[in-house]
Amino acid sequence: MVDIFSEKKRSEIMSKIRSKNTKIESLIFKALRRKKIYFQKHYKKIHGCPDIALPKKKKAIFIDGDFWHGKNLKELERRLPKKYWREKIKLNVLRDKKNRKELKKQGWQVLRVWEEDIIKDTPRSIEKIVKFLSES
C-alpha cells in the first residue's frame, strides 16, 4: 500500500496527534471531577505514566487509543501498510504489558479502558472507572 501523502505532509499530520489530554481523556476527566473524584492526571512517578492515578489507593487507569495500543492487533496488522507500523504497534503492546506487570508487582491495581469502548458507551465506561476507583 502506498501512502497518498508526501513524507513531509505525513510528518505534519502525525505531529498533530495528541498523546495527552485527548478528547476522550478530557471527557473522562470532566466526568470524574463532576462526581467529585480527585485524581492525579498523567502520573509520572510510576511506570507507564497512567492517565489517571490514585497514589494513596495504588490505583492506575490507562485510557488507550485502539490504534496506538494495538486493540485487535491481528486485524490491525493486515491493514497496516508498512513493516515500520506493525513493529511500532507491537512494541507499544509489549511496553504496555511490561508496565502493567511492573505496576502490579509494586502493588498497584490497574484498569485499562479502550477508546472504542468509551465512544460506544460513555456512561458505562465512566461507571466502570468510578467503580474501580471506589473499591478499596
N, C-alpha and C. Protein backbone atom coordinates (compact mmCIF):
# COMPACT_ATOMS: atom_id res chain seq x y z
N MET A 1 0.85 -1.17 0.00
CA MET A 1 0.00 0.00 0.00
C MET A 1 0.89 1.24 0.00
N VAL A 2 0.59 2.18 -0.86
CA VAL A 2 1.37 3.40 -0.98
C VAL A 2 0.67 4.53 -0.23
N ASP A 3 1.45 5.31 0.49
CA ASP A 3 0.90 6.44 1.23
C ASP A 3 0.49 7.52 0.23
N ILE A 4 -0.69 8.09 0.41
CA ILE A 4 -1.18 9.11 -0.51
C ILE A 4 -0.58 10.50 -0.21
N PHE A 5 0.10 10.62 0.92
CA PHE A 5 0.71 11.89 1.30
C PHE A 5 2.22 11.82 1.14
N SER A 6 2.82 12.99 0.91
CA SER A 6 4.28 13.05 0.85
C SER A 6 4.82 12.81 2.25
N GLU A 7 6.11 12.52 2.35
CA GLU A 7 6.72 12.27 3.65
C GLU A 7 6.57 13.50 4.55
N LYS A 8 6.74 14.68 3.99
CA LYS A 8 6.63 15.93 4.76
C LYS A 8 5.19 16.13 5.28
N LYS A 9 4.22 15.89 4.40
CA LYS A 9 2.81 16.07 4.79
C LYS A 9 2.42 15.02 5.84
N ARG A 10 2.85 13.78 5.68
CA ARG A 10 2.55 12.72 6.64
C ARG A 10 3.15 13.10 8.01
N SER A 11 4.36 13.63 8.01
CA SER A 11 5.00 14.05 9.25
C SER A 11 4.20 15.16 9.92
N GLU A 12 3.70 16.10 9.14
CA GLU A 12 2.87 17.19 9.68
C GLU A 12 1.59 16.64 10.29
N ILE A 13 0.94 15.71 9.61
CA ILE A 13 -0.30 15.10 10.10
C ILE A 13 -0.04 14.36 11.40
N MET A 14 1.02 13.56 11.44
CA MET A 14 1.33 12.77 12.63
C MET A 14 1.70 13.66 13.82
N SER A 15 2.31 14.80 13.56
CA SER A 15 2.71 15.69 14.66
C SER A 15 1.51 16.30 15.37
N LYS A 16 0.36 16.30 14.73
CA LYS A 16 -0.84 16.88 15.32
C LYS A 16 -1.61 15.88 16.21
N ILE A 17 -1.19 14.63 16.20
CA ILE A 17 -1.85 13.61 17.02
C ILE A 17 -1.40 13.78 18.46
N ARG A 18 -2.35 13.99 19.34
CA ARG A 18 -2.03 14.23 20.74
C ARG A 18 -1.90 12.90 21.49
N SER A 19 -0.98 12.89 22.43
CA SER A 19 -0.83 11.68 23.25
C SER A 19 -1.40 11.92 24.65
N LYS A 20 -1.56 13.17 25.03
CA LYS A 20 -2.13 13.50 26.34
C LYS A 20 -3.26 14.50 26.15
N ASN A 21 -4.20 14.44 27.10
CA ASN A 21 -5.35 15.34 27.07
C ASN A 21 -6.13 15.25 25.76
N THR A 22 -6.30 14.03 25.30
CA THR A 22 -7.10 13.80 24.10
C THR A 22 -8.56 14.11 24.43
N LYS A 23 -9.40 14.15 23.43
CA LYS A 23 -10.83 14.42 23.66
C LYS A 23 -11.44 13.36 24.59
N ILE A 24 -11.06 12.11 24.35
CA ILE A 24 -11.58 11.01 25.17
C ILE A 24 -11.13 11.17 26.61
N GLU A 25 -9.84 11.45 26.82
CA GLU A 25 -9.34 11.64 28.18
C GLU A 25 -10.06 12.80 28.85
N SER A 26 -10.18 13.91 28.15
CA SER A 26 -10.84 15.10 28.72
C SER A 26 -12.28 14.79 29.13
N LEU A 27 -12.95 14.01 28.32
CA LEU A 27 -14.33 13.60 28.63
C LEU A 27 -14.37 12.83 29.96
N ILE A 28 -13.45 11.89 30.13
CA ILE A 28 -13.40 11.09 31.35
C ILE A 28 -12.99 11.96 32.54
N PHE A 29 -11.99 12.81 32.35
CA PHE A 29 -11.54 13.68 33.44
C PHE A 29 -12.69 14.56 33.94
N LYS A 30 -13.43 15.15 33.03
CA LYS A 30 -14.55 16.01 33.41
C LYS A 30 -15.63 15.23 34.16
N ALA A 31 -15.91 14.04 33.68
CA ALA A 31 -16.94 13.21 34.33
C ALA A 31 -16.52 12.86 35.76
N LEU A 32 -15.26 12.54 35.96
CA LEU A 32 -14.78 12.19 37.30
C LEU A 32 -14.81 13.41 38.22
N ARG A 33 -14.44 14.55 37.69
CA ARG A 33 -14.49 15.77 38.52
C ARG A 33 -15.92 16.09 38.92
N ARG A 34 -16.87 15.91 38.00
CA ARG A 34 -18.28 16.15 38.31
C ARG A 34 -18.75 15.23 39.44
N LYS A 35 -18.17 14.05 39.50
CA LYS A 35 -18.53 13.09 40.55
C LYS A 35 -17.68 13.28 41.80
N LYS A 36 -16.91 14.37 41.83
CA LYS A 36 -16.07 14.73 42.99
C LYS A 36 -15.01 13.66 43.29
N ILE A 37 -14.50 13.05 42.22
CA ILE A 37 -13.41 12.09 42.36
C ILE A 37 -12.12 12.83 42.00
N TYR A 38 -11.24 12.89 42.97
CA TYR A 38 -9.98 13.61 42.77
C TYR A 38 -8.88 12.62 42.43
N PHE A 39 -8.06 12.96 41.45
CA PHE A 39 -7.07 12.04 40.93
C PHE A 39 -5.87 12.80 40.40
N GLN A 40 -4.80 12.08 40.19
CA GLN A 40 -3.61 12.63 39.54
C GLN A 40 -3.72 12.30 38.05
N LYS A 41 -3.48 13.30 37.25
CA LYS A 41 -3.55 13.15 35.80
C LYS A 41 -2.14 12.93 35.25
N HIS A 42 -1.98 11.93 34.39
CA HIS A 42 -0.68 11.62 33.75
C HIS A 42 0.42 11.54 34.80
N TYR A 43 0.23 10.60 35.71
CA TYR A 43 1.08 10.45 36.88
C TYR A 43 2.44 9.87 36.49
N LYS A 44 3.47 10.70 36.56
CA LYS A 44 4.80 10.34 36.06
C LYS A 44 5.68 9.60 37.06
N LYS A 45 5.23 9.44 38.29
CA LYS A 45 6.08 8.85 39.32
C LYS A 45 6.10 7.32 39.30
N ILE A 46 5.33 6.71 38.41
CA ILE A 46 5.31 5.25 38.31
C ILE A 46 5.43 4.83 36.84
N HIS A 47 5.66 3.55 36.62
CA HIS A 47 5.82 3.02 35.26
C HIS A 47 4.60 3.31 34.39
N GLY A 48 4.85 3.70 33.19
CA GLY A 48 3.79 3.83 32.20
C GLY A 48 3.05 5.14 32.23
N CYS A 49 3.26 5.97 33.23
CA CYS A 49 2.60 7.27 33.33
C CYS A 49 1.09 7.13 33.06
N PRO A 50 0.36 6.49 34.00
CA PRO A 50 -1.07 6.27 33.76
C PRO A 50 -1.83 7.59 33.59
N ASP A 51 -2.90 7.53 32.83
CA ASP A 51 -3.72 8.72 32.56
C ASP A 51 -4.41 9.19 33.83
N ILE A 52 -4.79 8.25 34.68
CA ILE A 52 -5.46 8.56 35.95
C ILE A 52 -4.79 7.72 37.04
N ALA A 53 -4.48 8.36 38.16
CA ALA A 53 -3.88 7.61 39.26
C ALA A 53 -4.39 8.12 40.60
N LEU A 54 -4.58 7.18 41.50
CA LEU A 54 -4.87 7.48 42.90
C LEU A 54 -3.72 6.85 43.69
N PRO A 55 -2.64 7.62 43.90
CA PRO A 55 -1.45 7.05 44.54
C PRO A 55 -1.69 6.45 45.91
N LYS A 56 -2.52 7.07 46.73
CA LYS A 56 -2.75 6.53 48.08
C LYS A 56 -3.43 5.17 48.04
N LYS A 57 -4.31 4.97 47.06
CA LYS A 57 -5.00 3.69 46.92
C LYS A 57 -4.24 2.74 46.00
N LYS A 58 -3.17 3.25 45.37
CA LYS A 58 -2.39 2.49 44.39
C LYS A 58 -3.29 1.95 43.27
N LYS A 59 -4.01 2.87 42.66
CA LYS A 59 -4.86 2.52 41.52
C LYS A 59 -4.44 3.35 40.31
N ALA A 60 -4.35 2.69 39.17
CA ALA A 60 -3.92 3.35 37.94
C ALA A 60 -4.86 2.97 36.80
N ILE A 61 -5.18 3.96 35.97
CA ILE A 61 -6.03 3.71 34.81
C ILE A 61 -5.33 4.22 33.56
N PHE A 62 -5.33 3.36 32.55
CA PHE A 62 -4.80 3.74 31.24
C PHE A 62 -5.98 3.84 30.27
N ILE A 63 -6.11 4.98 29.63
CA ILE A 63 -7.12 5.17 28.59
C ILE A 63 -6.37 5.02 27.27
N ASP A 64 -6.52 3.86 26.65
CA ASP A 64 -5.69 3.52 25.49
C ASP A 64 -6.42 3.70 24.17
N GLY A 65 -5.74 4.37 23.26
CA GLY A 65 -6.23 4.51 21.89
C GLY A 65 -6.13 3.18 21.19
N ASP A 66 -7.15 2.82 20.46
CA ASP A 66 -7.21 1.50 19.82
C ASP A 66 -6.03 1.26 18.88
N PHE A 67 -5.71 2.25 18.05
CA PHE A 67 -4.64 2.08 17.06
C PHE A 67 -3.28 1.98 17.74
N TRP A 68 -2.92 2.97 18.55
CA TRP A 68 -1.58 3.06 19.11
C TRP A 68 -1.26 1.95 20.10
N HIS A 69 -2.29 1.40 20.73
CA HIS A 69 -2.05 0.36 21.74
C HIS A 69 -2.45 -1.02 21.27
N GLY A 70 -2.80 -1.15 19.99
CA GLY A 70 -2.95 -2.44 19.36
C GLY A 70 -4.20 -3.23 19.69
N LYS A 71 -5.33 -2.53 19.87
CA LYS A 71 -6.57 -3.29 20.08
C LYS A 71 -6.86 -4.06 18.79
N ASN A 72 -7.22 -5.32 18.93
CA ASN A 72 -7.47 -6.18 17.77
C ASN A 72 -6.24 -6.20 16.85
N LEU A 73 -5.09 -6.48 17.42
CA LEU A 73 -3.81 -6.40 16.71
C LEU A 73 -3.76 -7.26 15.46
N LYS A 74 -4.29 -8.47 15.54
CA LYS A 74 -4.24 -9.37 14.36
C LYS A 74 -4.96 -8.73 13.17
N GLU A 75 -6.13 -8.18 13.42
CA GLU A 75 -6.90 -7.49 12.37
C GLU A 75 -6.15 -6.26 11.88
N LEU A 76 -5.60 -5.51 12.82
CA LEU A 76 -4.90 -4.27 12.51
C LEU A 76 -3.66 -4.53 11.65
N GLU A 77 -2.93 -5.59 11.96
CA GLU A 77 -1.70 -5.91 11.23
C GLU A 77 -1.94 -6.08 9.73
N ARG A 78 -3.07 -6.66 9.40
CA ARG A 78 -3.37 -6.89 7.97
C ARG A 78 -3.59 -5.58 7.22
N ARG A 79 -4.05 -4.55 7.96
CA ARG A 79 -4.35 -3.28 7.30
C ARG A 79 -3.20 -2.29 7.31
N LEU A 80 -2.18 -2.55 8.15
CA LEU A 80 -1.08 -1.59 8.25
C LEU A 80 -0.20 -1.67 7.00
N PRO A 81 0.11 -0.51 6.43
CA PRO A 81 0.80 -0.50 5.15
C PRO A 81 2.28 -0.88 5.20
N LYS A 82 2.95 -0.61 6.30
CA LYS A 82 4.39 -0.82 6.31
C LYS A 82 4.83 -1.62 7.52
N LYS A 83 5.95 -2.31 7.36
CA LYS A 83 6.53 -3.08 8.46
C LYS A 83 6.80 -2.17 9.65
N TYR A 84 7.22 -0.93 9.38
CA TYR A 84 7.50 0.03 10.46
C TYR A 84 6.33 0.13 11.42
N TRP A 85 5.11 0.27 10.89
CA TRP A 85 3.93 0.46 11.75
C TRP A 85 3.59 -0.81 12.51
N ARG A 86 3.74 -1.95 11.86
CA ARG A 86 3.48 -3.22 12.57
C ARG A 86 4.42 -3.36 13.76
N GLU A 87 5.71 -3.08 13.54
CA GLU A 87 6.69 -3.18 14.61
C GLU A 87 6.43 -2.14 15.70
N LYS A 88 6.08 -0.92 15.30
CA LYS A 88 5.82 0.16 16.25
C LYS A 88 4.67 -0.22 17.19
N ILE A 89 3.57 -0.70 16.63
CA ILE A 89 2.41 -1.07 17.44
C ILE A 89 2.74 -2.28 18.32
N LYS A 90 3.44 -3.26 17.78
CA LYS A 90 3.82 -4.44 18.58
C LYS A 90 4.69 -4.03 19.77
N LEU A 91 5.62 -3.11 19.55
CA LEU A 91 6.47 -2.64 20.65
C LEU A 91 5.64 -1.88 21.69
N ASN A 92 4.65 -1.12 21.24
CA ASN A 92 3.76 -0.43 22.18
C ASN A 92 3.02 -1.43 23.05
N VAL A 93 2.52 -2.49 22.43
CA VAL A 93 1.77 -3.53 23.15
C VAL A 93 2.68 -4.20 24.19
N LEU A 94 3.90 -4.53 23.79
CA LEU A 94 4.85 -5.15 24.72
C LEU A 94 5.19 -4.21 25.87
N ARG A 95 5.41 -2.93 25.57
CA ARG A 95 5.71 -1.95 26.61
C ARG A 95 4.53 -1.83 27.58
N ASP A 96 3.31 -1.80 27.04
CA ASP A 96 2.11 -1.71 27.90
C ASP A 96 2.04 -2.90 28.86
N LYS A 97 2.27 -4.10 28.34
CA LYS A 97 2.24 -5.31 29.18
C LYS A 97 3.30 -5.25 30.26
N LYS A 98 4.50 -4.83 29.88
CA LYS A 98 5.60 -4.71 30.83
C LYS A 98 5.26 -3.70 31.93
N ASN A 99 4.71 -2.56 31.55
CA ASN A 99 4.35 -1.52 32.53
C ASN A 99 3.28 -2.03 33.49
N ARG A 100 2.24 -2.69 32.97
CA ARG A 100 1.18 -3.22 33.84
C ARG A 100 1.74 -4.27 34.80
N LYS A 101 2.59 -5.14 34.28
CA LYS A 101 3.19 -6.19 35.11
C LYS A 101 4.02 -5.56 36.23
N GLU A 102 4.81 -4.56 35.91
CA GLU A 102 5.65 -3.89 36.91
C GLU A 102 4.79 -3.19 37.96
N LEU A 103 3.74 -2.53 37.53
CA LEU A 103 2.85 -1.85 38.48
C LEU A 103 2.19 -2.86 39.43
N LYS A 104 1.72 -3.97 38.88
CA LYS A 104 1.08 -4.99 39.71
C LYS A 104 2.09 -5.56 40.71
N LYS A 105 3.34 -5.74 40.28
CA LYS A 105 4.38 -6.22 41.16
C LYS A 105 4.62 -5.24 42.32
N GLN A 106 4.40 -3.95 42.06
CA GLN A 106 4.58 -2.92 43.09
C GLN A 106 3.32 -2.70 43.92
N GLY A 107 2.29 -3.54 43.69
CA GLY A 107 1.08 -3.47 44.49
C GLY A 107 -0.01 -2.56 43.95
N TRP A 108 0.13 -2.12 42.73
CA TRP A 108 -0.89 -1.26 42.10
C TRP A 108 -1.97 -2.13 41.46
N GLN A 109 -3.20 -1.62 41.50
CA GLN A 109 -4.29 -2.22 40.73
C GLN A 109 -4.39 -1.40 39.45
N VAL A 110 -4.54 -2.09 38.33
CA VAL A 110 -4.51 -1.42 37.04
C VAL A 110 -5.79 -1.72 36.25
N LEU A 111 -6.35 -0.67 35.67
CA LEU A 111 -7.51 -0.81 34.79
C LEU A 111 -7.15 -0.21 33.45
N ARG A 112 -7.50 -0.93 32.40
CA ARG A 112 -7.27 -0.44 31.04
C ARG A 112 -8.64 -0.23 30.41
N VAL A 113 -8.83 0.95 29.84
CA VAL A 113 -10.09 1.28 29.17
C VAL A 113 -9.77 1.67 27.73
N TRP A 114 -10.46 1.02 26.79
CA TRP A 114 -10.21 1.29 25.38
C TRP A 114 -11.05 2.47 24.88
N GLU A 115 -10.43 3.25 24.03
CA GLU A 115 -11.07 4.41 23.40
C GLU A 115 -12.40 4.02 22.74
N GLU A 116 -12.39 2.94 22.00
CA GLU A 116 -13.59 2.48 21.29
C GLU A 116 -14.75 2.20 22.25
N ASP A 117 -14.43 1.59 23.40
CA ASP A 117 -15.46 1.27 24.38
C ASP A 117 -16.05 2.54 24.99
N ILE A 118 -15.21 3.53 25.22
CA ILE A 118 -15.69 4.81 25.75
C ILE A 118 -16.61 5.48 24.75
N ILE A 119 -16.23 5.46 23.49
CA ILE A 119 -17.06 6.08 22.44
C ILE A 119 -18.39 5.36 22.31
N LYS A 120 -18.36 4.02 22.31
CA LYS A 120 -19.59 3.23 22.13
C LYS A 120 -20.58 3.42 23.27
N ASP A 121 -20.06 3.45 24.51
CA ASP A 121 -20.95 3.54 25.67
C ASP A 121 -20.26 4.33 26.78
N THR A 122 -20.28 5.64 26.64
CA THR A 122 -19.59 6.52 27.59
C THR A 122 -20.10 6.34 29.02
N PRO A 123 -21.42 6.36 29.27
CA PRO A 123 -21.88 6.20 30.65
C PRO A 123 -21.40 4.90 31.30
N ARG A 124 -21.43 3.82 30.55
CA ARG A 124 -20.99 2.53 31.09
C ARG A 124 -19.49 2.55 31.41
N SER A 125 -18.71 3.17 30.53
CA SER A 125 -17.27 3.27 30.76
C SER A 125 -16.97 4.10 31.99
N ILE A 126 -17.67 5.21 32.15
CA ILE A 126 -17.48 6.07 33.32
C ILE A 126 -17.85 5.30 34.59
N GLU A 127 -18.96 4.57 34.52
CA GLU A 127 -19.40 3.76 35.67
C GLU A 127 -18.34 2.73 36.05
N LYS A 128 -17.76 2.09 35.05
CA LYS A 128 -16.71 1.09 35.27
C LYS A 128 -15.50 1.74 35.96
N ILE A 129 -15.10 2.91 35.51
CA ILE A 129 -13.96 3.63 36.08
C ILE A 129 -14.26 4.05 37.51
N VAL A 130 -15.45 4.62 37.74
CA VAL A 130 -15.85 5.07 39.08
C VAL A 130 -15.86 3.89 40.04
N LYS A 131 -16.42 2.76 39.61
CA LYS A 131 -16.47 1.57 40.46
C LYS A 131 -15.06 1.11 40.82
N PHE A 132 -14.18 1.07 39.83
CA PHE A 132 -12.80 0.66 40.06
C PHE A 132 -12.11 1.59 41.07
N LEU A 133 -12.29 2.87 40.91
CA LEU A 133 -11.63 3.84 41.79
C LEU A 133 -12.21 3.82 43.20
N SER A 134 -13.50 3.46 43.30
CA SER A 134 -14.19 3.49 44.60
C SER A 134 -13.91 2.26 45.45
N GLU A 135 -13.58 1.15 44.81
CA GLU A 135 -13.30 -0.08 45.57
C GLU A 135 -12.05 0.10 46.40
N SER A 136 -12.05 -0.51 47.61
CA SER A 136 -10.85 -0.37 48.44
C SER A 136 -9.76 -1.31 48.05
